[in-house]
Amino acid sequence: MSDFDRFDDRFAAEKFTPSDLMGLRSDLLQCNLDSFLAAEVLTSFLSGRGYGISSQEARRVASTIEGMGCRPEHIQQELERVARVM
């Protein structure tokens, strides 16, 4: 197996600051349950940092992040799971 075959376009090392993650959560909460707007906010957050995400995943993750008591560690885990290096 070559190095290219093992390459996964998900990011593993990138860590966002807790303040960035909580800022993202705050922005998502301001969308007032509009899943498409929340997905745009999340997509913009990631693309500004060199990552991409599908629209469907963005809507799902945005609703997860908006959940009560979502801590920065949980947000980081969700982003690591779905974001792709652009």
N, C-alpha and C. Protein backbone atom coordinates (compact mmCIF):
# COMPACT_ATOMS: atom_id res chain seq x y z
N MET A 1 0.85 -1.18 0.00
CA MET A 1 0.00 0.00 0.00
C MET A 1 0.89 1.23 0.00
N SER A 2 0.64 2.13 -0.92
CA SER A 2 1.45 3.34 -1.00
C SER A 2 0.98 4.37 0.01
N ASP A 3 1.82 5.39 0.22
CA ASP A 3 1.44 6.48 1.12
C ASP A 3 0.17 7.15 0.62
N PHE A 4 0.02 7.26 -0.70
CA PHE A 4 -1.16 7.90 -1.25
C PHE A 4 -2.41 7.10 -0.91
N ASP A 5 -2.34 5.76 -0.98
CA ASP A 5 -3.49 4.92 -0.68
C ASP A 5 -3.92 5.06 0.78
N ARG A 6 -2.97 5.34 1.64
CA ARG A 6 -3.29 5.48 3.06
C ARG A 6 -3.77 6.88 3.40
N PHE A 7 -3.64 7.81 2.46
CA PHE A 7 -4.01 9.20 2.73
C PHE A 7 -5.51 9.28 2.97
N ASP A 8 -5.87 9.94 4.01
CA ASP A 8 -7.28 10.19 4.32
C ASP A 8 -7.47 11.68 4.29
N ASP A 9 -8.47 12.16 3.56
CA ASP A 9 -8.63 13.60 3.43
C ASP A 9 -9.31 14.23 4.63
N ARG A 10 -9.57 13.46 5.65
CA ARG A 10 -10.05 14.05 6.90
C ARG A 10 -8.85 14.58 7.65
N PHE A 11 -9.07 15.63 8.44
CA PHE A 11 -7.94 16.16 9.17
C PHE A 11 -7.83 15.46 10.51
N ALA A 12 -6.62 15.33 11.02
CA ALA A 12 -6.43 14.64 12.28
C ALA A 12 -5.75 15.52 13.30
N ALA A 13 -4.83 16.36 12.88
CA ALA A 13 -4.02 17.11 13.84
C ALA A 13 -4.57 18.49 14.16
N GLU A 14 -5.33 19.05 13.25
CA GLU A 14 -5.83 20.42 13.44
C GLU A 14 -6.68 20.50 14.70
N LYS A 15 -6.34 21.43 15.53
CA LYS A 15 -7.13 21.69 16.72
C LYS A 15 -7.53 23.15 16.69
N PHE A 16 -8.82 23.39 16.78
CA PHE A 16 -9.31 24.75 16.85
C PHE A 16 -9.31 25.17 18.31
N THR A 17 -9.18 26.45 18.55
CA THR A 17 -9.18 26.91 19.94
C THR A 17 -10.58 26.77 20.51
N PRO A 18 -10.68 26.54 21.81
CA PRO A 18 -12.01 26.46 22.43
C PRO A 18 -12.84 27.71 22.17
N SER A 19 -12.20 28.88 22.13
CA SER A 19 -12.97 30.11 21.86
C SER A 19 -13.50 30.12 20.43
N ASP A 20 -12.72 29.62 19.46
CA ASP A 20 -13.21 29.51 18.08
C ASP A 20 -14.41 28.56 18.02
N LEU A 21 -14.30 27.44 18.71
CA LEU A 21 -15.37 26.45 18.68
C LEU A 21 -16.64 26.96 19.35
N MET A 22 -16.48 27.65 20.47
CA MET A 22 -17.66 28.19 21.15
C MET A 22 -18.24 29.37 20.37
N GLY A 23 -17.39 30.12 19.66
CA GLY A 23 -17.87 31.18 18.77
C GLY A 23 -18.70 30.59 17.65
N LEU A 24 -18.24 29.46 17.10
CA LEU A 24 -19.00 28.76 16.07
C LEU A 24 -20.35 28.33 16.62
N ARG A 25 -20.33 27.75 17.80
CA ARG A 25 -21.59 27.30 18.41
C ARG A 25 -22.54 28.48 18.62
N SER A 26 -22.01 29.60 19.08
CA SER A 26 -22.83 30.79 19.28
C SER A 26 -23.44 31.25 17.95
N ASP A 27 -22.63 31.27 16.90
CA ASP A 27 -23.13 31.66 15.58
C ASP A 27 -24.24 30.71 15.11
N LEU A 28 -24.06 29.42 15.38
CA LEU A 28 -25.07 28.45 14.98
C LEU A 28 -26.37 28.65 15.76
N LEU A 29 -26.25 28.96 17.03
CA LEU A 29 -27.45 29.19 17.84
C LEU A 29 -28.24 30.40 17.35
N GLN A 30 -27.56 31.36 16.75
CA GLN A 30 -28.23 32.56 16.22
C GLN A 30 -29.03 32.26 14.95
N CYS A 31 -28.83 31.08 14.36
CA CYS A 31 -29.55 30.71 13.14
C CYS A 31 -31.00 30.33 13.44
N ASN A 32 -31.35 30.17 14.68
CA ASN A 32 -32.73 29.87 15.10
C ASN A 32 -33.34 28.68 14.35
N LEU A 33 -32.65 27.56 14.37
CA LEU A 33 -33.14 26.30 13.83
C LEU A 33 -33.29 26.26 12.31
N ASP A 34 -32.75 27.23 11.59
CA ASP A 34 -32.73 27.17 10.14
C ASP A 34 -31.54 26.30 9.74
N SER A 35 -31.80 25.04 9.41
CA SER A 35 -30.71 24.09 9.17
C SER A 35 -29.84 24.48 7.97
N PHE A 36 -30.43 25.12 6.98
CA PHE A 36 -29.65 25.49 5.81
C PHE A 36 -28.71 26.66 6.12
N LEU A 37 -29.20 27.62 6.88
CA LEU A 37 -28.36 28.74 7.30
C LEU A 37 -27.25 28.24 8.24
N ALA A 38 -27.60 27.36 9.15
CA ALA A 38 -26.61 26.79 10.07
C ALA A 38 -25.53 26.03 9.29
N ALA A 39 -25.94 25.31 8.26
CA ALA A 39 -24.97 24.58 7.43
C ALA A 39 -24.03 25.55 6.72
N GLU A 40 -24.56 26.69 6.27
CA GLU A 40 -23.72 27.70 5.62
C GLU A 40 -22.70 28.28 6.60
N VAL A 41 -23.14 28.53 7.83
CA VAL A 41 -22.24 29.06 8.86
C VAL A 41 -21.11 28.06 9.12
N LEU A 42 -21.46 26.80 9.27
CA LEU A 42 -20.45 25.76 9.52
C LEU A 42 -19.51 25.60 8.33
N THR A 43 -20.07 25.60 7.13
CA THR A 43 -19.25 25.49 5.92
C THR A 43 -18.27 26.65 5.81
N SER A 44 -18.75 27.84 6.11
CA SER A 44 -17.90 29.03 6.06
C SER A 44 -16.78 28.94 7.11
N PHE A 45 -17.11 28.50 8.31
CA PHE A 45 -16.12 28.33 9.37
C PHE A 45 -15.00 27.40 8.90
N LEU A 46 -15.37 26.26 8.34
CA LEU A 46 -14.37 25.28 7.91
C LEU A 46 -13.61 25.74 6.67
N SER A 47 -14.31 26.32 5.70
CA SER A 47 -13.61 26.71 4.46
C SER A 47 -12.62 27.83 4.72
N GLY A 48 -12.91 28.69 5.69
CA GLY A 48 -11.96 29.74 6.06
C GLY A 48 -10.69 29.19 6.68
N ARG A 49 -10.72 27.92 7.03
CA ARG A 49 -9.56 27.27 7.65
C ARG A 49 -9.00 26.16 6.77
N GLY A 50 -9.46 26.10 5.51
CA GLY A 50 -8.90 25.15 4.55
C GLY A 50 -9.57 23.79 4.50
N TYR A 51 -10.78 23.68 5.04
CA TYR A 51 -11.49 22.40 5.06
C TYR A 51 -12.83 22.53 4.38
N GLY A 52 -13.35 21.39 3.93
CA GLY A 52 -14.66 21.36 3.31
C GLY A 52 -15.55 20.34 4.00
N ILE A 53 -16.84 20.41 3.67
CA ILE A 53 -17.82 19.50 4.25
C ILE A 53 -19.00 19.43 3.28
N SER A 54 -19.64 18.29 3.19
CA SER A 54 -20.82 18.18 2.34
C SER A 54 -21.98 18.92 2.99
N SER A 55 -22.92 19.35 2.17
CA SER A 55 -24.08 20.09 2.68
C SER A 55 -24.89 19.26 3.66
N GLN A 56 -25.08 18.01 3.33
CA GLN A 56 -25.86 17.12 4.21
C GLN A 56 -25.16 16.95 5.56
N GLU A 57 -23.87 16.70 5.55
CA GLU A 57 -23.12 16.55 6.80
C GLU A 57 -23.11 17.86 7.58
N ALA A 58 -23.01 18.97 6.88
CA ALA A 58 -22.99 20.27 7.56
C ALA A 58 -24.30 20.50 8.31
N ARG A 59 -25.43 20.14 7.70
CA ARG A 59 -26.71 20.32 8.39
C ARG A 59 -26.80 19.42 9.61
N ARG A 60 -26.35 18.18 9.48
CA ARG A 60 -26.41 17.24 10.59
C ARG A 60 -25.50 17.68 11.74
N VAL A 61 -24.27 18.04 11.41
CA VAL A 61 -23.31 18.44 12.44
C VAL A 61 -23.74 19.74 13.11
N ALA A 62 -24.27 20.67 12.32
CA ALA A 62 -24.73 21.94 12.90
C ALA A 62 -25.81 21.69 13.95
N SER A 63 -26.73 20.78 13.67
CA SER A 63 -27.77 20.50 14.66
C SER A 63 -27.20 19.82 15.89
N THR A 64 -26.17 19.01 15.73
CA THR A 64 -25.51 18.38 16.87
C THR A 64 -24.81 19.43 17.73
N ILE A 65 -24.10 20.33 17.08
CA ILE A 65 -23.35 21.37 17.81
C ILE A 65 -24.30 22.30 18.54
N GLU A 66 -25.46 22.55 17.97
CA GLU A 66 -26.43 23.43 18.61
C GLU A 66 -27.04 22.83 19.86
N GLY A 67 -26.88 21.51 20.04
CA GLY A 67 -27.48 20.82 21.18
C GLY A 67 -27.05 21.38 22.52
N MET A 68 -27.89 21.20 23.48
CA MET A 68 -27.61 21.68 24.83
C MET A 68 -26.34 21.04 25.38
N GLY A 69 -25.51 21.86 26.00
CA GLY A 69 -24.33 21.37 26.69
C GLY A 69 -23.21 20.87 25.81
N CYS A 70 -23.20 21.23 24.55
CA CYS A 70 -22.14 20.79 23.66
C CYS A 70 -20.86 21.54 24.00
N ARG A 71 -19.85 20.80 24.43
CA ARG A 71 -18.59 21.40 24.85
C ARG A 71 -17.60 21.45 23.68
N PRO A 72 -16.55 22.28 23.81
CA PRO A 72 -15.57 22.39 22.72
C PRO A 72 -14.99 21.04 22.29
N GLU A 73 -14.77 20.15 23.23
CA GLU A 73 -14.21 18.83 22.89
C GLU A 73 -15.14 18.06 21.96
N HIS A 74 -16.45 18.16 22.22
CA HIS A 74 -17.42 17.46 21.38
C HIS A 74 -17.48 18.08 19.99
N ILE A 75 -17.41 19.40 19.93
CA ILE A 75 -17.42 20.08 18.64
C ILE A 75 -16.19 19.66 17.83
N GLN A 76 -15.03 19.64 18.48
CA GLN A 76 -13.79 19.24 17.83
C GLN A 76 -13.92 17.82 17.28
N GLN A 77 -14.47 16.91 18.06
CA GLN A 77 -14.65 15.53 17.61
C GLN A 77 -15.54 15.44 16.38
N GLU A 78 -16.63 16.19 16.40
CA GLU A 78 -17.54 16.18 15.25
C GLU A 78 -16.84 16.72 14.00
N LEU A 79 -16.11 17.81 14.17
CA LEU A 79 -15.41 18.40 13.01
C LEU A 79 -14.34 17.46 12.48
N GLU A 80 -13.61 16.80 13.36
CA GLU A 80 -12.60 15.84 12.92
C GLU A 80 -13.21 14.69 12.13
N ARG A 81 -14.42 14.33 12.49
CA ARG A 81 -15.08 13.20 11.86
C ARG A 81 -15.56 13.53 10.44
N VAL A 82 -15.96 14.77 10.19
CA VAL A 82 -16.61 15.06 8.91
C VAL A 82 -15.87 16.02 7.99
N ALA A 83 -14.97 16.83 8.52
CA ALA A 83 -14.29 17.83 7.67
C ALA A 83 -13.27 17.17 6.76
N ARG A 84 -13.12 17.74 5.58
CA ARG A 84 -12.16 17.24 4.58
C ARG A 84 -11.18 18.34 4.22
N VAL A 85 -9.93 17.96 4.05
CA VAL A 85 -8.91 18.91 3.61
C VAL A 85 -9.24 19.31 2.17
N MET A 86 -9.18 20.63 1.92
CA MET A 86 -9.48 21.10 0.56
C MET A 86 -8.20 21.27 -0.22
